[in-house]
Protein backbone atom coordinates (compact mmCIF):
# COMPACT_ATOMS: atom_id res chain seq x y z
CA MET A 1 8.88 6.50 0.00
CA LEU A 2 6.55 8.30 2.52
CA GLU A 3 6.67 11.49 0.07
CA TYR A 4 5.41 9.63 -2.68
CA PHE A 5 2.91 7.27 -1.19
CA GLY A 6 2.17 8.99 2.26
CA GLU A 7 2.17 7.57 5.68
CA ALA A 8 -1.16 5.73 5.37
CA ASN A 9 -0.52 4.04 2.18
CA SER A 10 3.02 3.17 2.84
CA ALA A 11 1.66 1.40 6.24
CA ALA A 12 -0.67 -0.21 3.82
CA LEU A 13 2.20 -1.64 1.60
CA PHE A 14 4.21 -2.97 4.54
CA GLY A 15 0.93 -4.82 5.75
CA LEU A 16 0.28 -5.78 1.99
CA ALA A 17 3.87 -7.39 1.70
CA GLY A 18 3.81 -9.11 4.87
CA GLY A 19 0.22 -10.55 4.25
CA ILE A 20 1.35 -11.67 1.06
CA ALA A 21 4.29 -13.64 2.70
CA LEU A 22 1.95 -15.04 5.40
CA GLY A 23 -0.67 -16.11 2.86
CA LEU A 24 2.01 -18.02 0.99
CA ALA A 25 3.17 -19.58 4.19
CA ALA A 26 -0.35 -20.85 5.01
CA ARG A 27 -1.10 -22.40 1.66
CA ILE A 28 2.32 -23.75 0.58
CA GLY A 29 3.93 -24.06 4.05
CA ARG A 30 0.80 -25.26 5.66
CA PHE A 31 1.24 -23.05 8.69
CA CYS A 32 -1.88 -23.12 10.69
CA THR A 33 -2.82 -22.79 14.40
CA LEU A 34 -5.46 -25.27 14.41
CA GLY A 35 -3.62 -27.61 12.18
CA ALA A 36 -0.60 -27.54 14.36
CA ILE A 37 -2.71 -28.34 17.49
CA GLU A 38 -4.73 -31.05 15.85
CA ASP A 39 -1.54 -32.78 14.20
CA LEU A 40 -0.16 -32.92 17.95
CA LEU A 41 -3.16 -34.12 19.72
CA TYR A 42 -4.45 -36.60 17.06
CA GLY A 43 -1.79 -37.06 14.55
CA GLY A 44 1.32 -37.52 16.99
CA ASP A 45 2.98 -34.91 14.63
CA ASP A 46 4.37 -31.96 16.32
CA ARG A 47 6.27 -30.51 13.26
CA ARG A 48 3.73 -27.89 12.74
CA LEU A 49 3.78 -26.68 16.24
CA ARG A 50 7.50 -26.54 15.92
CA MET A 51 7.21 -24.16 12.85
CA TRP A 52 5.40 -21.79 15.51
CA GLY A 53 8.64 -22.02 17.70
CA ILE A 54 10.54 -21.06 14.70
CA ALA A 55 8.36 -18.12 13.61
CA ILE A 56 8.28 -16.98 17.39
CA GLY A 57 12.22 -17.25 17.66
CA VAL A 58 12.88 -15.42 14.35
CA ALA A 59 10.57 -12.66 15.21
CA ILE A 60 12.06 -12.37 18.55
CA ILE A 61 15.46 -12.10 17.51
CA GLY A 62 14.67 -9.47 14.78
CA VAL A 63 12.56 -7.42 16.91
CA HIS A 64 15.18 -7.22 19.73
CA PHE A 65 18.09 -6.63 17.71
CA ALA A 66 16.27 -3.59 16.01
CA THR A 67 15.52 -2.28 19.54
CA ALA A 68 19.30 -2.60 20.49
CA LEU A 69 20.05 -0.76 17.65
CA GLY A 70 17.58 2.00 18.34
CA ASN A 71 15.60 1.30 15.37
CA PHE A 72 12.68 0.13 17.53
CA ASP A 73 11.01 0.95 20.80
CA LEU A 74 9.29 -2.08 22.41
CA GLY A 75 7.44 0.04 25.01
CA GLU A 76 5.44 1.61 21.95
CA THR A 77 3.57 -1.55 21.25
CA ALA A 78 -0.07 -2.18 22.12
CA TYR A 79 1.21 -5.35 24.13
CA LEU A 80 3.45 -3.23 26.29
CA ASP A 81 1.85 0.34 26.71
CA ARG A 82 -0.91 -1.04 28.61
CA VAL A 83 -1.47 -2.99 32.14
CA TRP A 84 -2.07 -6.46 31.42
CA ASN A 85 -5.25 -8.06 32.34
CA PRO A 86 -4.69 -11.70 33.13
CA LEU A 87 -8.31 -12.56 33.56
CA GLY A 88 -9.26 -10.99 30.26
CA THR A 89 -6.42 -12.82 28.55
CA VAL A 90 -7.47 -16.27 30.07
CA ILE A 91 -11.15 -15.93 29.37
CA GLY A 92 -10.44 -14.39 25.71
CA GLY A 93 -7.97 -16.98 24.78
CA LEU A 94 -10.47 -19.72 25.79
CA MET A 95 -13.20 -18.28 23.94
CA PHE A 96 -10.93 -17.94 20.76
CA GLY A 97 -9.28 -21.42 21.05
CA TYR A 98 -12.96 -22.90 21.47
CA GLY A 99 -14.55 -20.99 18.71
CA MET A 100 -11.62 -21.71 16.45
CA ALA A 101 -12.13 -25.49 16.85
CA LEU A 102 -15.73 -24.76 16.12
CA SER A 103 -14.89 -22.73 12.96
CA GLY A 104 -12.32 -25.03 11.66
CA ASN A 105 -9.66 -22.02 11.58
CA CYS A 106 -8.54 -18.95 13.10
CA GLY A 107 -8.98 -15.61 11.38
CA TYR A 108 -5.55 -15.95 9.56
CA GLY A 109 -6.39 -19.71 8.59
CA ALA A 110 -9.97 -18.46 7.43
CA LEU A 111 -8.34 -15.81 5.32
CA ALA A 112 -6.00 -18.39 3.66
CA ARG A 113 -8.74 -20.89 2.86
CA LEU A 114 -10.96 -17.83 1.47
CA GLY A 115 -7.83 -17.42 -0.94
CA GLY A 116 -8.28 -21.23 -1.89
CA GLY A 117 -11.78 -20.53 -2.93
CA ASP A 118 -13.72 -21.42 0.20
CA ILE A 119 -16.61 -19.65 0.39
CA ARG A 120 -17.60 -20.63 4.01
CA SER A 121 -14.45 -19.05 5.04
CA PHE A 122 -15.78 -15.52 3.64
CA LEU A 123 -18.78 -15.82 5.91
CA ILE A 124 -16.47 -16.78 9.27
CA VAL A 125 -14.26 -13.87 8.28
CA ILE A 126 -17.30 -11.33 7.94
CA VAL A 127 -18.96 -12.68 11.29
CA MET A 128 -15.63 -12.56 13.08
CA GLY A 129 -14.77 -9.17 12.09
CA LEU A 130 -18.25 -7.96 12.77
CA SER A 131 -18.25 -9.64 16.28
CA ALA A 132 -14.70 -8.30 17.15
CA TYR A 133 -16.02 -4.69 16.52
CA PHE A 134 -19.21 -5.46 18.37
CA VAL A 135 -17.21 -5.83 21.46
CA MET A 136 -14.38 -3.45 20.66
CA SER A 137 -16.52 -0.29 19.87
CA GLY A 138 -19.90 -1.42 19.45
CA PRO A 139 -22.95 -2.06 21.67
CA LEU A 140 -20.77 -4.16 24.25
CA ALA A 141 -17.64 -2.00 24.20
CA HIS A 142 -18.80 -0.30 27.67
CA LEU A 143 -19.71 -3.74 29.16
CA ARG A 144 -16.06 -4.96 28.33
CA VAL A 145 -14.23 -1.87 29.56
CA SER A 146 -16.16 -1.83 32.82
CA VAL A 147 -15.42 -5.84 33.41
CA PHE A 148 -12.14 -5.75 31.85
CA PRO A 149 -10.63 -2.31 32.38
CA VAL A 150 -7.67 -1.31 30.42
CA GLN A 151 -4.90 0.92 31.98
CA THR A 152 -2.29 2.44 30.25
CA ASP A 153 1.00 3.10 32.32
CA ALA A 154 4.53 3.53 30.75
CA ASP A 155 6.26 2.84 33.80
CA THR A 156 4.82 -0.57 34.37
CA VAL A 157 6.89 -3.49 33.48
CA GLN A 158 4.52 -5.65 31.18
CA GLY A 159 7.33 -7.75 29.18
CA LEU A 160 10.26 -9.77 29.92
CA SER A 161 12.69 -7.58 27.97
CA GLN A 162 11.49 -4.59 29.89
CA LEU A 163 12.34 -6.47 33.25
CA ALA A 164 15.67 -7.72 32.09
CA SER A 165 16.61 -4.01 31.03
CA GLN A 166 16.21 -3.10 34.71
CA PHE A 167 19.09 -5.08 35.28
CA GLY A 168 21.07 -3.74 32.55
CA ILE A 169 20.47 -6.68 30.03
CA SER A 170 20.59 -5.30 26.55
CA PRO A 171 17.35 -6.31 24.37
CA ALA A 172 19.87 -7.98 21.86
CA ILE A 173 21.07 -10.53 24.69
CA THR A 174 17.45 -10.83 25.77
CA GLY A 175 16.17 -11.44 22.22
CA PHE A 176 18.83 -13.85 21.11
CA THR A 177 18.75 -15.64 24.34
CA VAL A 178 15.05 -16.42 24.09
CA GLY A 179 14.78 -16.73 20.43
CA GLY A 180 17.71 -18.95 19.88
CA ILE A 181 16.42 -21.12 22.60
CA LEU A 182 12.90 -21.49 20.83
CA ILE A 183 14.74 -22.28 17.34
CA LEU A 184 17.06 -24.75 18.71
CA PHE A 185 14.04 -26.61 20.51
CA ALA A 186 12.09 -26.48 17.31
CA LEU A 187 15.04 -28.03 15.49
CA THR A 188 15.76 -30.71 18.01
CA ASN A 189 13.72 -33.00 15.99
CA LYS A 190 14.84 -35.34 13.23
CA ALA A 191 11.52 -35.13 11.50
CA MET A 192 11.86 -31.54 11.52
CA LEU A 193 15.29 -31.56 10.01
CA ARG A 194 13.96 -33.65 7.13
CA ALA A 195 11.37 -31.01 6.31
CA PRO A 196 13.18 -27.80 5.23
CA GLY A 197 10.07 -26.35 3.90
CA HIS A 198 8.87 -26.09 7.65
CA VAL A 199 11.74 -24.42 8.75
CA PHE A 200 11.73 -21.99 5.65
CA TRP A 201 7.96 -21.10 5.97
CA GLY A 202 8.40 -20.72 9.86
CA ALA A 203 11.11 -18.28 9.48
CA VAL A 204 9.04 -16.50 6.67
CA VAL A 205 6.28 -16.18 9.04
CA GLY A 206 8.79 -14.52 12.00
CA LEU A 207 10.13 -12.31 9.47
CA SER A 208 6.92 -11.04 8.20
CA ILE A 209 5.59 -10.17 12.03
CA ALA A 210 9.05 -8.35 12.50
CA SER A 211 8.82 -6.45 9.45
CA GLY A 212 5.26 -5.11 10.51
CA TRP A 213 6.79 -3.64 13.68
CA LEU A 214 9.80 -2.27 12.22
CA GLY A 215 7.98 -1.03 8.97
CA THR A 216 5.49 1.09 11.07
CA TYR A 217 7.83 2.27 13.83
CA TRP A 218 9.85 3.73 10.81
CA ILE A 219 6.73 5.31 9.54
CA ALA A 220 5.46 6.73 12.80
CA THR A 221 9.06 8.08 13.79
CA THR A 222 9.97 9.54 10.33
CA GLY A 223 6.72 10.77 8.92
CA PHE A 224 4.67 13.86 10.01
CA GLU A 225 1.24 12.13 10.42
CA ALA A 226 0.48 10.00 13.56
CA GLU A 227 0.48 6.44 12.28
CA PRO A 228 0.07 3.40 14.78
CA ILE A 229 3.00 1.06 15.62
CA GLU A 230 1.72 -2.29 14.78
CA THR A 231 2.03 -5.62 13.06
CA HIS A 232 -0.27 -8.57 11.98
CA SER A 233 -3.06 -9.86 13.83
CA PHE A 234 -6.32 -10.80 12.79
CA ALA A 235 -9.45 -10.10 14.71
CA ALA A 236 -10.07 -6.37 14.93
CA PRO A 237 -8.12 -5.60 11.57
CA ILE A 238 -10.42 -7.96 9.73
CA GLY A 239 -13.14 -5.45 11.16
CA ASP A 240 -11.00 -2.65 10.16
CA THR A 241 -10.90 -3.90 6.53
CA ILE A 242 -14.85 -4.61 6.32
CA TYR A 243 -15.30 -0.93 7.45
CA TYR A 244 -12.55 0.33 4.80
CA THR A 245 -14.38 -1.51 2.23
CA MET A 246 -17.66 0.45 3.10
CA THR A 247 -16.04 3.77 3.64
CA ALA A 248 -13.04 3.95 1.38
CA SER A 249 -13.83 7.18 -0.39
CA GLY A 250 -13.74 8.96 2.92
CA ASN A 251 -11.44 6.71 4.60
CA ALA A 252 -7.62 6.20 4.30
CA LEU A 253 -5.81 2.83 4.06
CA SER A 254 -3.99 1.17 6.87
CA PHE A 255 -1.37 -1.58 7.88
CA SER A 256 -4.37 -3.76 8.84
CA VAL A 257 -6.19 -3.42 5.40
CA GLY A 258 -3.07 -4.29 3.57
CA SER A 259 -2.27 -7.15 5.80
CA VAL A 260 -5.98 -8.65 5.33
CA PHE A 261 -5.94 -8.34 1.63
CA GLY A 262 -2.24 -9.32 1.47
CA VAL A 263 -3.02 -12.78 3.11
CA VAL A 264 -5.94 -13.36 0.78
CA ILE A 265 -3.58 -12.43 -2.08
CA GLY A 266 -0.88 -14.58 -1.10
CA ALA A 267 -3.20 -17.50 -0.50
CA ILE A 268 -4.75 -17.16 -4.01
CA LEU A 269 -1.22 -17.28 -5.23
CA GLY A 270 -0.04 -20.10 -3.21
CA SER A 271 -3.29 -22.20 -3.97
CA TYR A 272 -2.88 -21.71 -7.68
CA SER A 273 0.87 -22.47 -7.47
CA LYS A 274 -0.05 -25.91 -5.94
CA GLY A 275 -3.05 -26.54 -7.84
CA HIS A 276 -5.32 -26.42 -4.99
CA PHE A 277 -7.55 -23.70 -5.79
CA ARG A 278 -11.44 -24.64 -6.16
CA TRP A 279 -14.54 -23.19 -5.20
CA GLU A 280 -16.12 -24.83 -2.06
CA ALA A 281 -19.37 -24.38 -0.28
CA CYS A 282 -21.16 -25.92 2.99
CA GLU A 283 -23.46 -28.52 2.10
CA ASP A 284 -24.81 -29.32 5.58
CA PRO A 285 -26.53 -26.25 7.36
CA ARG A 286 -25.56 -27.52 10.76
CA GLU A 287 -21.80 -27.26 9.96
CA LEU A 288 -22.06 -23.80 8.64
CA ARG A 289 -24.11 -23.09 11.75
CA ARG A 290 -21.39 -24.42 14.04
CA GLN A 291 -18.62 -22.57 12.27
CA LEU A 292 -20.45 -19.20 12.40
CA PHE A 293 -20.92 -19.91 16.04
CA GLY A 294 -17.35 -20.34 16.41
CA ALA A 295 -16.52 -17.05 14.35
CA ALA A 296 -19.04 -15.18 16.76
CA LEU A 297 -16.79 -16.56 19.76
CA MET A 298 -13.63 -15.76 18.05
CA GLY A 299 -13.91 -12.17 17.54
CA PRO A 300 -14.91 -11.09 21.02
CA GLY A 301 -12.52 -13.81 22.55
CA ALA A 302 -9.49 -11.86 20.54
CA ILE A 303 -10.53 -8.36 21.82
CA LEU A 304 -10.82 -9.56 25.37
CA ALA A 305 -7.27 -11.48 25.12
CA VAL A 306 -5.90 -8.37 22.89
CA GLY A 307 -5.06 -10.59 20.02
CA CYS A 308 -5.44 -13.84 18.29
CA SER A 309 -3.60 -16.82 17.64
CA VAL A 310 -1.16 -14.61 15.68
CA GLY A 311 -1.70 -11.48 17.40
CA GLN A 312 -0.81 -12.89 20.94
CA GLY A 313 0.82 -16.28 19.65
CA ILE A 314 3.35 -14.90 17.75
CA SER A 315 3.29 -11.03 17.42
CA ALA A 316 2.83 -10.42 21.39
CA PHE A 317 5.55 -13.11 21.73
CA SER A 318 8.02 -11.00 19.44
CA VAL A 319 8.04 -8.30 22.15
CA LEU A 320 8.09 -10.98 25.10
CA ALA A 321 5.09 -9.63 26.55
CA PHE A 322 4.05 -11.34 29.70
CA SER A 323 0.44 -11.98 28.29
CA ALA A 324 1.67 -13.80 25.23
CA PRO A 325 2.48 -17.48 26.76
CA VAL A 326 -0.85 -17.15 28.89
CA ALA A 327 -2.84 -16.36 25.85
CA PHE A 328 -1.15 -18.93 23.88
CA LEU A 329 -1.79 -21.46 26.41
CA SER A 330 -5.52 -20.50 26.98
CA ILE A 331 -6.03 -20.74 23.08
CA PHE A 332 -4.43 -24.03 22.81
CA LEU A 333 -6.51 -25.26 25.84
CA GLY A 334 -9.62 -23.90 24.37
CA ALA A 335 -9.11 -25.44 20.97
CA ALA A 336 -8.13 -28.91 22.53
CA PHE A 337 -11.49 -28.92 24.36
CA GLY A 338 -13.63 -27.67 21.09
CA LEU A 339 -11.38 -30.47 19.08
CA LYS A 340 -12.35 -33.07 21.52
CA GLN A 341 -15.92 -32.27 21.88
CA LEU A 342 -16.39 -32.34 18.04
CA ILE A 343 -14.57 -35.59 17.55
CA VAL A 344 -16.44 -37.17 20.27
CA GLY A 345 -19.61 -35.87 19.22
CA PHE A 346 -19.49 -37.16 15.57
CA SER A 347 -17.79 -40.50 16.48
CA PRO A 348 -19.98 -43.22 15.59
CA ALA A 349 -21.93 -45.29 18.39
CA GLU A 350 -20.40 -48.63 19.27
């Protein structure tokens, strides 16, 4: 594969395959961060949140068994090879969650809606990707680093599995225990058991996250060119994709680009299969202004938190990074506050 396609193109293919699966999960399986939070808080339905539990559990088990077999190194991931900055995670997570509520979607959800014909989501994706780059490597990058310094220290424990291994506990045991508990908890619900589609698509998402880690790790350790070890996340990768579309003649493909395009392709296929594809635009300028402001918050928020609702909410969880539950809770609280503000603000006066 590497001899035929090369390292960069092979990584893009792994991203494309996983992205297509994620796009299908969003459009057919209704896998959505904000939707799960909204269902829980205002619909009394926690099934989509339990889907996240299944996705996280499957991803954890897959990644940790691969680690136990020597096919993956947790310490090489971006979530474990640097010193965790809790303040950045909390502030970034709150920003991201609040922006997600204003926009009506996270980056992953916006890509999925774009695949269904929603032109508003195209603007959200563009603004989110550009705002992420603005803070990551643009005009505010030096300010970000000075306020939220990034330190790499390979000897510092940044995850539960790393901590457990110091006591001689195999990654397989850690992964199976934590992942198994999450899956069992997700399935302890009669309504969930009566919705096999939720279980299936949750597992598909978890396998997609694990496949990204394992595929890019295999390329990095087998090929001759330096390729990053990564999996699906939708903040900086959206910016990467925008940059690639402008410089493709002098730039190489990457996992991120494949992932972003894959979600859109999967969403198109899923929306057509369900008969849901239709072109949509924003009829209210005030609504569009709110959504773009939310997108402008999500990009920097994801950079500060080192991941979005998928990046921290599933990918970081899959390697059991300490930052993952803190980021997930911060995103949840930010989204809950934003949803409450919107609902109260648009309630008719009594």
